[in-house]
Amino acid sequence: MLLPVPGGTPSWYQWDGGDLTLYLRIQPRASRDEFAGPYGDRQYRIRITAPPVDGKANQHLMRFLAKAFGVAKSRVELLSGGSGRDKVVRIPRPVKFPIPEIDAQ
C-alpha cells in the first residue's frame, strides 16, 4: 500500500533508483490523449482515444507514455491492470517529465 511521503509528495508515483512507477486510472475512448491530473490521492488520470477492446487501449497507452517520457516503447512495462482501468506502469530512466508534479531524480 502506498502512503503519502512526508513533505507532500503525491503517492501516485514513486522512484526506484532511476525507474519511475506510476499508479494510473485510464479513461479510454476520450476525445484526445492527455494527462488529466490526479485522481483521488493514489492515482493519476490519463485519457486516451483508443477503445478498451482487444488490448488496443493498453498498446495505445504504452505508446503515449513512451513518447511523453522520451523512452522506447519496448521499455515501458505494464506491471498490473491489463484488463481494467486501474494500472501500474514502470518507466525505466525517463528522459522527459510531462507531468509537472513529478520531481526528476
Protein backbone atom coordinates (compact mmCIF):
# COMPACT_ATOMS: atom_id res chain seq x y z
CA MET A 1 0.00 0.00 0.00
CA LEU A 2 1.30 3.45 -0.87
CA LEU A 3 1.27 6.17 1.73
CA PRO A 4 1.97 9.85 1.18
CA VAL A 5 5.59 10.74 1.78
CA PRO A 6 6.17 13.43 4.41
CA GLY A 7 6.57 16.75 2.68
CA GLY A 8 3.60 16.36 0.37
CA THR A 9 4.95 14.11 -2.42
CA PRO A 10 1.95 12.58 -4.26
CA SER A 11 1.52 8.85 -3.73
CA TRP A 12 0.54 8.13 -7.36
CA TYR A 13 4.19 7.82 -8.37
CA GLN A 14 7.36 6.53 -6.82
CA TRP A 15 11.01 6.26 -7.76
CA ASP A 16 13.01 3.03 -7.53
CA GLY A 17 16.55 4.05 -8.38
CA GLY A 18 16.16 5.71 -11.78
CA ASP A 19 12.92 3.90 -12.64
CA LEU A 20 9.57 5.65 -12.31
CA THR A 21 6.45 3.71 -11.29
CA LEU A 22 3.07 5.33 -11.99
CA TYR A 23 -0.28 4.36 -10.48
CA LEU A 24 -2.84 5.29 -13.12
CA ARG A 25 -6.56 5.49 -13.80
CA ILE A 26 -7.20 5.26 -17.55
CA GLN A 27 -10.18 6.75 -19.37
CA PRO A 28 -10.45 5.10 -22.80
CA ARG A 29 -12.41 6.50 -25.77
CA ALA A 30 -11.55 10.07 -24.85
CA SER A 31 -11.61 12.87 -27.40
CA ARG A 32 -7.81 13.25 -27.14
CA ASP A 33 -4.76 11.77 -25.42
CA GLU A 34 -3.82 13.76 -22.33
CA PHE A 35 -2.53 13.77 -18.80
CA ALA A 36 -5.69 14.78 -16.97
CA GLY A 37 -4.47 15.25 -13.40
CA PRO A 38 -4.60 13.44 -10.07
CA TYR A 39 -7.47 11.01 -9.47
CA GLY A 40 -8.00 10.89 -5.74
CA ASP A 41 -4.91 10.53 -3.57
CA ARG A 42 -3.42 7.40 -5.09
CA GLN A 43 -3.75 7.58 -8.89
CA TYR A 44 -3.15 9.87 -11.84
CA ARG A 45 -5.77 10.03 -14.60
CA ILE A 46 -4.79 9.67 -18.24
CA ARG A 47 -7.27 10.00 -21.07
CA ILE A 48 -6.62 8.09 -24.29
CA THR A 49 -8.52 7.88 -27.55
CA ALA A 50 -8.24 4.11 -28.05
CA PRO A 51 -11.19 1.84 -27.19
CA PRO A 52 -10.79 -0.81 -24.47
CA VAL A 53 -11.06 -3.67 -26.97
CA ASP A 54 -8.56 -6.49 -27.60
CA GLY A 55 -5.74 -4.73 -25.74
CA LYS A 56 -5.83 -1.68 -28.03
CA ALA A 57 -6.09 0.73 -25.10
CA ASN A 58 -3.07 -0.83 -23.38
CA GLN A 59 -0.97 -0.68 -26.56
CA HIS A 60 -2.01 2.91 -27.14
CA LEU A 61 -1.21 3.82 -23.53
CA MET A 62 2.29 2.32 -23.79
CA ARG A 63 2.99 4.32 -26.98
CA PHE A 64 1.62 7.51 -25.41
CA LEU A 65 3.73 7.12 -22.25
CA ALA A 66 6.88 6.18 -24.18
CA LYS A 67 6.65 9.28 -26.35
CA ALA A 68 5.73 11.57 -23.44
CA PHE A 69 8.59 10.37 -21.21
CA GLY A 70 11.15 10.06 -24.03
CA VAL A 71 11.81 6.32 -23.83
CA ALA A 72 11.45 3.42 -26.25
CA LYS A 73 8.00 1.81 -26.32
CA SER A 74 9.56 -1.57 -25.55
CA ARG A 75 10.91 -0.22 -22.25
CA VAL A 76 7.53 0.85 -20.81
CA GLU A 77 6.25 -2.04 -18.70
CA LEU A 78 2.67 -2.71 -17.60
CA LEU A 79 3.06 -4.23 -14.13
CA SER A 80 -0.64 -4.71 -13.37
CA GLY A 81 -4.08 -3.81 -14.67
CA GLY A 82 -4.04 -5.46 -18.08
CA SER A 83 -7.82 -5.77 -18.21
CA GLY A 84 -9.01 -2.88 -16.04
CA ARG A 85 -8.81 0.89 -15.84
CA ASP A 86 -6.50 0.90 -12.82
CA LYS A 87 -2.93 0.28 -13.95
CA VAL A 88 0.59 0.24 -12.59
CA VAL A 89 3.28 1.13 -15.13
CA ARG A 90 7.07 1.26 -14.84
CA ILE A 91 9.11 3.65 -16.97
CA PRO A 92 12.85 2.96 -16.78
CA ARG A 93 15.04 6.06 -16.68
CA PRO A 94 12.65 8.62 -18.20
CA VAL A 95 14.25 11.43 -20.20
CA LYS A 96 11.31 13.88 -20.22
CA PHE A 97 8.82 14.74 -17.47
CA PRO A 98 5.46 15.74 -18.97
CA ILE A 99 3.69 15.77 -15.59
CA PRO A 100 4.87 18.82 -13.61
CA GLU A 101 4.20 17.21 -10.21
CA ILE A 102 6.86 14.54 -10.80
CA ASP A 103 10.22 15.57 -9.44
CA ALA A 104 13.06 14.41 -11.67
CA GLN A 105 15.53 12.19 -9.91
